[in-house]
Amino acid sequence: MTQDLPDRLSIDPDSPFYDEAAIGDGVGVRFKGEEKTNVEEYCVSEGWIRVQAGKALDRKGKPLTIKLKGPVEIYRRTPNPSDAG
């Protein structure tokens, strides 16, 4: 299920863990059993995600993030075949 998904992924292009191909294919994240859509970065093996901290920005103009620790599950978002066409 997750063998082709990276253990750690970031949506920030400046991060060494940025992977445009994986992001483009669609990665879903469940944190503590709840679906999250605002994840900036995750690491499955270490058990954490980073989410935006409101509308605050750092001095480079990037959103400030908070690291939340807990069980992380990732999955590939696949389009529903019945929706096509």
PDB file of N, CA and C in Angstrom:
ATOM      1  N   MET A   1       0.815  -1.189   0.000  1.00  0.00           N
ATOM      2  CA  MET A   1       0.000   0.000   0.000  1.00  0.00           C
ATOM      3  C   MET A   1       0.860   1.254   0.000  1.00  0.00           C
ATOM      4  N   THR A   2       1.860   1.301   0.903  1.00  0.00           N
ATOM      5  CA  THR A   2       2.683   2.501   0.979  1.00  0.00           C
ATOM      6  C   THR A   2       4.107   2.247   0.489  1.00  0.00           C
ATOM      7  N   GLN A   3       4.360   1.108  -0.171  1.00  0.00           N
ATOM      8  CA  GLN A   3       5.719   0.792  -0.574  1.00  0.00           C
ATOM      9  C   GLN A   3       6.292   1.784  -1.584  1.00  0.00           C
ATOM     10  N   ASP A   4       5.450   2.434  -2.381  1.00  0.00           N
ATOM     11  CA  ASP A   4       5.967   3.374  -3.365  1.00  0.00           C
ATOM     12  C   ASP A   4       5.900   4.820  -2.871  1.00  0.00           C
ATOM     13  N   LEU A   5       5.408   5.047  -1.677  1.00  0.00           N
ATOM     14  CA  LEU A   5       5.340   6.386  -1.111  1.00  0.00           C
ATOM     15  C   LEU A   5       6.562   6.634  -0.222  1.00  0.00           C
ATOM     16  N   PRO A   6       7.094   7.858  -0.235  1.00  0.00           N
ATOM     17  CA  PRO A   6       8.273   8.143   0.586  1.00  0.00           C
ATOM     18  C   PRO A   6       7.948   8.156   2.073  1.00  0.00           C
ATOM     19  N   ASP A   7       8.932   7.763   2.884  1.00  0.00           N
ATOM     20  CA  ASP A   7       8.777   7.775   4.342  1.00  0.00           C
ATOM     21  C   ASP A   7       8.639   9.206   4.854  1.00  0.00           C
ATOM     22  N   ARG A   8       9.314  10.124   4.198  1.00  0.00           N
ATOM     23  CA  ARG A   8       9.264  11.533   4.595  1.00  0.00           C
ATOM     24  C   ARG A   8       9.047  12.374   3.346  1.00  0.00           C
ATOM     25  N   LEU A   9       8.122  13.330   3.431  1.00  0.00           N
ATOM     26  CA  LEU A   9       7.772  14.145   2.276  1.00  0.00           C
ATOM     27  C   LEU A   9       7.424  15.549   2.726  1.00  0.00           C
ATOM     28  N   SER A  10       7.841  16.546   1.939  1.00  0.00           N
ATOM     29  CA  SER A  10       7.560  17.948   2.229  1.00  0.00           C
ATOM     30  C   SER A  10       6.998  18.606   0.978  1.00  0.00           C
ATOM     31  N   ILE A  11       6.116  19.606   1.174  1.00  0.00           N
ATOM     32  CA  ILE A  11       5.583  20.340   0.027  1.00  0.00           C
ATOM     33  C   ILE A  11       6.389  21.600  -0.263  1.00  0.00           C
ATOM     34  N   ASP A  12       7.425  21.865   0.548  1.00  0.00           N
ATOM     35  CA  ASP A  12       8.294  23.026   0.357  1.00  0.00           C
ATOM     36  C   ASP A  12       9.376  22.696  -0.676  1.00  0.00           C
ATOM     37  N   PRO A  13       9.410  23.410  -1.803  1.00  0.00           N
ATOM     38  CA  PRO A  13      10.413  23.113  -2.844  1.00  0.00           C
ATOM     39  C   PRO A  13      11.859  23.278  -2.378  1.00  0.00           C
ATOM     40  N   ASP A  14      12.107  24.034  -1.327  1.00  0.00           N
ATOM     41  CA  ASP A  14      13.469  24.222  -0.823  1.00  0.00           C
ATOM     42  C   ASP A  14      13.924  23.085   0.092  1.00  0.00           C
ATOM     43  N   SER A  15      13.022  22.204   0.473  1.00  0.00           N
ATOM     44  CA  SER A  15      13.335  21.111   1.384  1.00  0.00           C
ATOM     45  C   SER A  15      14.032  19.972   0.625  1.00  0.00           C
ATOM     46  N   PRO A  16      14.977  19.290   1.285  1.00  0.00           N
ATOM     47  CA  PRO A  16      15.592  18.115   0.639  1.00  0.00           C
ATOM     48  C   PRO A  16      14.611  16.943   0.521  1.00  0.00           C
ATOM     49  N   PHE A  17      13.471  17.002   1.193  1.00  0.00           N
ATOM     50  CA  PHE A  17      12.485  15.932   1.160  1.00  0.00           C
ATOM     51  C   PHE A  17      11.335  16.243   0.208  1.00  0.00           C
ATOM     52  N   TYR A  18      11.494  17.240  -0.633  1.00  0.00           N
ATOM     53  CA  TYR A  18      10.477  17.608  -1.620  1.00  0.00           C
ATOM     54  C   TYR A  18      10.552  16.633  -2.785  1.00  0.00           C
ATOM     55  N   ASP A  19       9.404  16.100  -3.200  1.00  0.00           N
ATOM     56  CA  ASP A  19       9.333  15.182  -4.334  1.00  0.00           C
ATOM     57  C   ASP A  19       8.089  15.529  -5.141  1.00  0.00           C
ATOM     58  N   GLU A  20       8.291  16.252  -6.229  1.00  0.00           N
ATOM     59  CA  GLU A  20       7.162  16.733  -7.036  1.00  0.00           C
ATOM     60  C   GLU A  20       6.336  15.591  -7.610  1.00  0.00           C
ATOM     61  N   ALA A  21       6.983  14.514  -7.991  1.00  0.00           N
ATOM     62  CA  ALA A  21       6.256  13.379  -8.574  1.00  0.00           C
ATOM     63  C   ALA A  21       5.305  12.756  -7.557  1.00  0.00           C
ATOM     64  N   ALA A  22       5.780  12.570  -6.328  1.00  0.00           N
ATOM     65  CA  ALA A  22       4.931  11.971  -5.295  1.00  0.00           C
ATOM     66  C   ALA A  22       3.770  12.895  -4.934  1.00  0.00           C
ATOM     67  N   ILE A  23       4.034  14.187  -4.850  1.00  0.00           N
ATOM     68  CA  ILE A  23       2.984  15.147  -4.520  1.00  0.00           C
ATOM     69  C   ILE A  23       1.950  15.207  -5.643  1.00  0.00           C
ATOM     70  N   GLY A  24       2.413  15.184  -6.881  1.00  0.00           N
ATOM     71  CA  GLY A  24       1.519  15.245  -8.029  1.00  0.00           C
ATOM     72  C   GLY A  24       0.605  14.041  -8.135  1.00  0.00           C
ATOM     73  N   ASP A  25       1.090  12.877  -7.707  1.00  0.00           N
ATOM     74  CA  ASP A  25       0.273  11.662  -7.737  1.00  0.00           C
ATOM     75  C   ASP A  25      -0.805  11.678  -6.673  1.00  0.00           C
ATOM     76  N   GLY A  26      -0.620  12.474  -5.645  1.00  0.00           N
ATOM     77  CA  GLY A  26      -1.609  12.577  -4.575  1.00  0.00           C
ATOM     78  C   GLY A  26      -1.301  11.665  -3.406  1.00  0.00           C
ATOM     79  N   VAL A  27      -0.959  12.254  -2.290  1.00  0.00           N
ATOM     80  CA  VAL A  27      -0.671  11.511  -1.075  1.00  0.00           C
ATOM     81  C   VAL A  27      -1.658  11.973  -0.009  1.00  0.00           C
ATOM     82  N   GLY A  28      -2.337  11.028   0.597  1.00  0.00           N
ATOM     83  CA  GLY A  28      -3.247  11.341   1.696  1.00  0.00           C
ATOM     84  C   GLY A  28      -2.570  11.029   3.014  1.00  0.00           C
ATOM     85  N   VAL A  29      -2.903  11.800   4.055  1.00  0.00           N
ATOM     86  CA  VAL A  29      -2.291  11.607   5.365  1.00  0.00           C
ATOM     87  C   VAL A  29      -3.384  11.472   6.416  1.00  0.00           C
ATOM     88  N   ARG A  30      -3.277  10.418   7.229  1.00  0.00           N
ATOM     89  CA  ARG A  30      -4.134  10.260   8.404  1.00  0.00           C
ATOM     90  C   ARG A  30      -3.241  10.391   9.623  1.00  0.00           C
ATOM     91  N   PHE A  31      -3.616  11.285  10.525  1.00  0.00           N
ATOM     92  CA  PHE A  31      -2.857  11.506  11.745  1.00  0.00           C
ATOM     93  C   PHE A  31      -3.762  11.194  12.923  1.00  0.00           C
ATOM     94  N   LYS A  32      -3.356  10.222  13.728  1.00  0.00           N
ATOM     95  CA  LYS A  32      -4.166   9.735  14.860  1.00  0.00           C
ATOM     96  C   LYS A  32      -5.556   9.317  14.387  1.00  0.00           C
ATOM     97  N   GLY A  33      -5.612   8.703  13.205  1.00  0.00           N
ATOM     98  CA  GLY A  33      -6.865   8.195  12.669  1.00  0.00           C
ATOM     99  C   GLY A  33      -7.742   9.224  11.986  1.00  0.00           C
ATOM    100  N   GLU A  34      -7.315  10.475  11.954  1.00  0.00           N
ATOM    101  CA  GLU A  34      -8.115  11.544  11.353  1.00  0.00           C
ATOM    102  C   GLU A  34      -7.442  12.053  10.080  1.00  0.00           C
ATOM    103  N   GLU A  35      -8.221  12.206   9.028  1.00  0.00           N
ATOM    104  CA  GLU A  35      -7.710  12.700   7.747  1.00  0.00           C
ATOM    105  C   GLU A  35      -7.267  14.155   7.893  1.00  0.00           C
ATOM    106  N   LYS A  36      -6.047  14.460   7.433  1.00  0.00           N
ATOM    107  CA  LYS A  36      -5.519  15.817   7.482  1.00  0.00           C
ATOM    108  C   LYS A  36      -5.254  16.306   6.066  1.00  0.00           C
ATOM    109  N   THR A  37      -5.681  17.525   5.778  1.00  0.00           N
ATOM    110  CA  THR A  37      -5.466  18.100   4.453  1.00  0.00           C
ATOM    111  C   THR A  37      -4.521  19.288   4.490  1.00  0.00           C
ATOM    112  N   ASN A  38      -4.052  19.681   5.661  1.00  0.00           N
ATOM    113  CA  ASN A  38      -3.199  20.855   5.790  1.00  0.00           C
ATOM    114  C   ASN A  38      -1.769  20.505   6.206  1.00  0.00           C
ATOM    115  N   VAL A  39      -1.301  19.332   5.842  1.00  0.00           N
ATOM    116  CA  VAL A  39       0.027  18.866   6.236  1.00  0.00           C
ATOM    117  C   VAL A  39       1.085  19.470   5.321  1.00  0.00           C
ATOM    118  N   GLU A  40       2.085  20.100   5.922  1.00  0.00           N
ATOM    119  CA  GLU A  40       3.207  20.677   5.177  1.00  0.00           C
ATOM    120  C   GLU A  40       4.312  19.637   4.961  1.00  0.00           C
ATOM    121  N   GLU A  41       4.519  18.774   5.958  1.00  0.00           N
ATOM    122  CA  GLU A  41       5.572  17.767   5.903  1.00  0.00           C
ATOM    123  C   GLU A  41       5.186  16.627   6.840  1.00  0.00           C
ATOM    124  N   TYR A  42       5.640  15.412   6.529  1.00  0.00           N
ATOM    125  CA  TYR A  42       5.382  14.282   7.413  1.00  0.00           C
ATOM    126  C   TYR A  42       6.579  13.355   7.434  1.00  0.00           C
ATOM    127  N   CYS A  43       6.666  12.557   8.486  1.00  0.00           N
ATOM    128  CA  CYS A  43       7.653  11.484   8.575  1.00  0.00           C
ATOM    129  C   CYS A  43       6.976  10.303   9.265  1.00  0.00           C
ATOM    130  N   VAL A  44       6.792   9.218   8.543  1.00  0.00           N
ATOM    131  CA  VAL A  44       6.090   8.056   9.066  1.00  0.00           C
ATOM    132  C   VAL A  44       6.937   7.336  10.113  1.00  0.00           C
ATOM    133  N   SER A  45       8.222   7.111   9.834  1.00  0.00           N
ATOM    134  CA  SER A  45       9.066   6.331  10.741  1.00  0.00           C
ATOM    135  C   SER A  45       9.272   7.035  12.081  1.00  0.00           C
ATOM    136  N   GLU A  46       9.321   8.361  12.091  1.00  0.00           N
ATOM    137  CA  GLU A  46       9.508   9.104  13.338  1.00  0.00           C
ATOM    138  C   GLU A  46       8.175   9.473  13.983  1.00  0.00           C
ATOM    139  N   GLY A  47       7.071   9.359  13.246  1.00  0.00           N
ATOM    140  CA  GLY A  47       5.743   9.589  13.799  1.00  0.00           C
ATOM    141  C   GLY A  47       5.410  11.039  14.070  1.00  0.00           C
ATOM    142  N   TRP A  48       5.545  11.913  13.063  1.00  0.00           N
ATOM    143  CA  TRP A  48       5.176  13.309  13.235  1.00  0.00           C
ATOM    144  C   TRP A  48       4.716  13.926  11.916  1.00  0.00           C
ATOM    145  N   ILE A  49       3.969  15.022  12.044  1.00  0.00           N
ATOM    146  CA  ILE A  49       3.586  15.842  10.891  1.00  0.00           C
ATOM    147  C   ILE A  49       3.840  17.299  11.254  1.00  0.00           C
ATOM    148  N   ARG A  50       3.960  18.133  10.238  1.00  0.00           N
ATOM    149  CA  ARG A  50       4.055  19.582  10.430  1.00  0.00           C
ATOM    150  C   ARG A  50       2.846  20.209   9.760  1.00  0.00           C
ATOM    151  N   VAL A  51       2.150  21.076  10.516  1.00  0.00           N
ATOM    152  CA  VAL A  51       0.997  21.793   9.987  1.00  0.00           C
ATOM    153  C   VAL A  51       1.209  23.288  10.214  1.00  0.00           C
ATOM    154  N   GLN A  52       0.527  24.111   9.421  1.00  0.00           N
ATOM    155  CA  GLN A  52       0.656  25.556   9.546  1.00  0.00           C
ATOM    156  C   GLN A  52       0.126  26.032  10.882  1.00  0.00           C
ATOM    157  N   ALA A  53       0.795  27.050  11.428  1.00  0.00           N
ATOM    158  CA  ALA A  53       0.386  27.665  12.694  1.00  0.00           C
ATOM    159  C   ALA A  53      -0.365  28.955  12.372  1.00  0.00           C
ATOM    160  N   GLY A  54      -1.616  28.818  11.983  1.00  0.00           N
ATOM    161  CA  GLY A  54      -2.411  29.998  11.639  1.00  0.00           C
ATOM    162  C   GLY A  54      -1.906  30.676  10.379  1.00  0.00           C
ATOM    163  N   LYS A  55      -1.958  31.997  10.370  1.00  0.00           N
ATOM    164  CA  LYS A  55      -1.517  32.749   9.204  1.00  0.00           C
ATOM    165  C   LYS A  55      -0.143  33.384   9.401  1.00  0.00           C
ATOM    166  N   ALA A  56       0.546  33.009  10.476  1.00  0.00           N
ATOM    167  CA  ALA A  56       1.847  33.581  10.788  1.00  0.00           C
ATOM    168  C   ALA A  56       2.886  33.153   9.748  1.00  0.00           C
ATOM    169  N   LEU A  57       3.789  34.086   9.420  1.00  0.00           N
ATOM    170  CA  LEU A  57       4.858  33.833   8.460  1.00  0.00           C
ATOM    171  C   LEU A  57       6.209  34.095   9.119  1.00  0.00           C
ATOM    172  N   ASP A  58       7.232  33.393   8.639  1.00  0.00           N
ATOM    173  CA  ASP A  58       8.572  33.679   9.131  1.00  0.00           C
ATOM    174  C   ASP A  58       9.158  34.838   8.337  1.00  0.00           C
ATOM    175  N   ARG A  59      10.397  35.200   8.598  1.00  0.00           N
ATOM    176  CA  ARG A  59      10.980  36.369   7.929  1.00  0.00           C
ATOM    177  C   ARG A  59      11.270  36.147   6.451  1.00  0.00           C
ATOM    178  N   LYS A  60      11.207  34.914   5.994  1.00  0.00           N
ATOM    179  CA  LYS A  60      11.383  34.618   4.576  1.00  0.00           C
ATOM    180  C   LYS A  60      10.050  34.526   3.848  1.00  0.00           C
ATOM    181  N   GLY A  61       8.942  34.719   4.585  1.00  0.00           N
ATOM    182  CA  GLY A  61       7.620  34.698   3.978  1.00  0.00           C
ATOM    183  C   GLY A  61       6.977  33.334   3.902  1.00  0.00           C
ATOM    184  N   LYS A  62       7.586  32.347   4.536  1.00  0.00           N
ATOM    185  CA  LYS A  62       7.021  30.996   4.549  1.00  0.00           C
ATOM    186  C   LYS A  62       6.180  30.821   5.810  1.00  0.00           C
ATOM    187  N   PRO A  63       5.147  29.982   5.755  1.00  0.00           N
ATOM    188  CA  PRO A  63       4.290  29.793   6.936  1.00  0.00           C
ATOM    189  C   PRO A  63       5.044  29.133   8.083  1.00  0.00           C
ATOM    190  N   LEU A  64       4.747  29.593   9.297  1.00  0.00           N
ATOM    191  CA  LEU A  64       5.286  28.940  10.482  1.00  0.00           C
ATOM    192  C   LEU A  64       4.538  27.623  10.671  1.00  0.00           C
ATOM    193  N   THR A  65       5.256  26.608  11.136  1.00  0.00           N
ATOM    194  CA  THR A  65       4.644  25.298  11.299  1.00  0.00           C
ATOM    195  C   THR A  65       4.812  24.785  12.727  1.00  0.00           C
ATOM    196  N   ILE A  66       3.944  23.868  13.090  1.00  0.00           N
ATOM    197  CA  ILE A  66       3.987  23.194  14.383  1.00  0.00           C
ATOM    198  C   ILE A  66       4.174  21.707  14.117  1.00  0.00           C
ATOM    199  N   LYS A  67       5.059  21.080  14.882  1.00  0.00           N
ATOM    200  CA  LYS A  67       5.265  19.635  14.759  1.00  0.00           C
ATOM    201  C   LYS A  67       4.346  18.932  15.745  1.00  0.00           C
ATOM    202  N   LEU A  68       3.519  18.024  15.221  1.00  0.00           N
ATOM    203  CA  LEU A  68       2.618  17.224  16.041  1.00  0.00           C
ATOM    204  C   LEU A  68       3.090  15.773  15.990  1.00  0.00           C
ATOM    205  N   LYS A  69       3.186  15.130  17.150  1.00  0.00           N
ATOM    206  CA  LYS A  69       3.673  13.754  17.215  1.00  0.00           C
ATOM    207  C   LYS A  69       2.525  12.790  17.462  1.00  0.00           C
ATOM    208  N   GLY A  70       2.584  11.664  16.772  1.00  0.00           N
ATOM    209  CA  GLY A  70       1.568  10.635  16.899  1.00  0.00           C
ATOM    210  C   GLY A  70       1.653   9.686  15.715  1.00  0.00           C
ATOM    211  N   PRO A  71       0.766   8.692  15.661  1.00  0.00           N
ATOM    212  CA  PRO A  71       0.789   7.737  14.549  1.00  0.00           C
ATOM    213  C   PRO A  71       0.391   8.397  13.228  1.00  0.00           C
ATOM    214  N   VAL A  72       1.199   8.164  12.205  1.00  0.00           N
ATOM    215  CA  VAL A  72       0.977   8.732  10.879  1.00  0.00           C
ATOM    216  C   VAL A  72       0.757   7.595   9.889  1.00  0.00           C
ATOM    217  N   GLU A  73      -0.305   7.685   9.111  1.00  0.00           N
ATOM    218  CA  GLU A  73      -0.581   6.730   8.042  1.00  0.00           C
ATOM    219  C   GLU A  73      -0.642   7.510   6.736  1.00  0.00           C
ATOM    220  N   ILE A  74      -0.014   6.990   5.713  1.00  0.00           N
ATOM    221  CA  ILE A  74      -0.076   7.639   4.397  1.00  0.00           C
ATOM    222  C   ILE A  74      -0.679   6.662   3.408  1.00  0.00           C
ATOM    223  N   TYR A  75      -1.286   7.217   2.384  1.00  0.00           N
ATOM    224  CA  TYR A  75      -1.887   6.393   1.343  1.00  0.00           C
ATOM    225  C   TYR A  75      -1.920   7.175   0.046  1.00  0.00           C
ATOM    226  N   ARG A  76      -2.011   6.451  -1.032  1.00  0.00           N
ATOM    227  CA  ARG A  76      -2.090   7.066  -2.357  1.00  0.00           C
ATOM    228  C   ARG A  76      -3.536   7.411  -2.638  1.00  0.00           C
ATOM    229  N   ARG A  77      -3.776   8.652  -2.979  1.00  0.00           N
ATOM    230  CA  ARG A  77      -5.127   9.062  -3.372  1.00  0.00           C
ATOM    231  C   ARG A  77      -5.312   8.690  -4.830  1.00  0.00           C
ATOM    232  N   THR A  78      -6.262   7.844  -5.091  1.00  0.00           N
ATOM    233  CA  THR A  78      -6.526   7.424  -6.464  1.00  0.00           C
ATOM    234  C   THR A  78      -7.899   7.944  -6.884  1.00  0.00           C
ATOM    235  N   PRO A  79      -8.003   8.397  -8.107  1.00  0.00           N
ATOM    236  CA  PRO A  79      -9.309   8.847  -8.568  1.00  0.00           C
ATOM    237  C   PRO A  79     -10.288   7.690  -8.661  1.00  0.00           C
ATOM    238  N   ASN A  80     -11.526   7.968  -8.383  1.00  0.00           N
ATOM    239  CA  ASN A  80     -12.579   6.967  -8.446  1.00  0.00           C
ATOM    240  C   ASN A  80     -12.873   6.668  -9.920  1.00  0.00           C
ATOM    241  N   PRO A  81     -12.770   5.418 -10.365  1.00  0.00           N
ATOM    242  CA  PRO A  81     -13.028   5.100 -11.791  1.00  0.00           C
ATOM    243  C   PRO A  81     -14.425   5.477 -12.258  1.00  0.00           C
ATOM    244  N   SER A  82     -15.391   5.458 -11.360  1.00  0.00           N
ATOM    245  CA  SER A  82     -16.750   5.799 -11.770  1.00  0.00           C
ATOM    246  C   SER A  82     -16.918   7.305 -12.037  1.00  0.00           C
ATOM    247  N   ASP A  83     -15.992   8.137 -11.490  1.00  0.00           N
ATOM    248  CA  ASP A  83     -16.044   9.576 -11.729  1.00  0.00           C
ATOM    249  C   ASP A  83     -15.483   9.951 -13.094  1.00  0.00           C
ATOM    250  N   ALA A  84     -14.644   9.113 -13.670  1.00  0.00           N
ATOM    251  CA  ALA A  84     -14.023   9.412 -14.960  1.00  0.00           C
ATOM    252  C   ALA A  84     -15.057   9.221 -16.093  1.00  0.00           C
ATOM    253  N   GLY A  85     -15.143  10.255 -16.916  1.00  0.00           N
ATOM    254  CA  GLY A  85     -15.965  10.165 -18.102  1.00  0.00           C
ATOM    255  C   GLY A  85     -17.381  10.315 -17.849  1.00  0.00           C
TER     256      GLY A  85
END
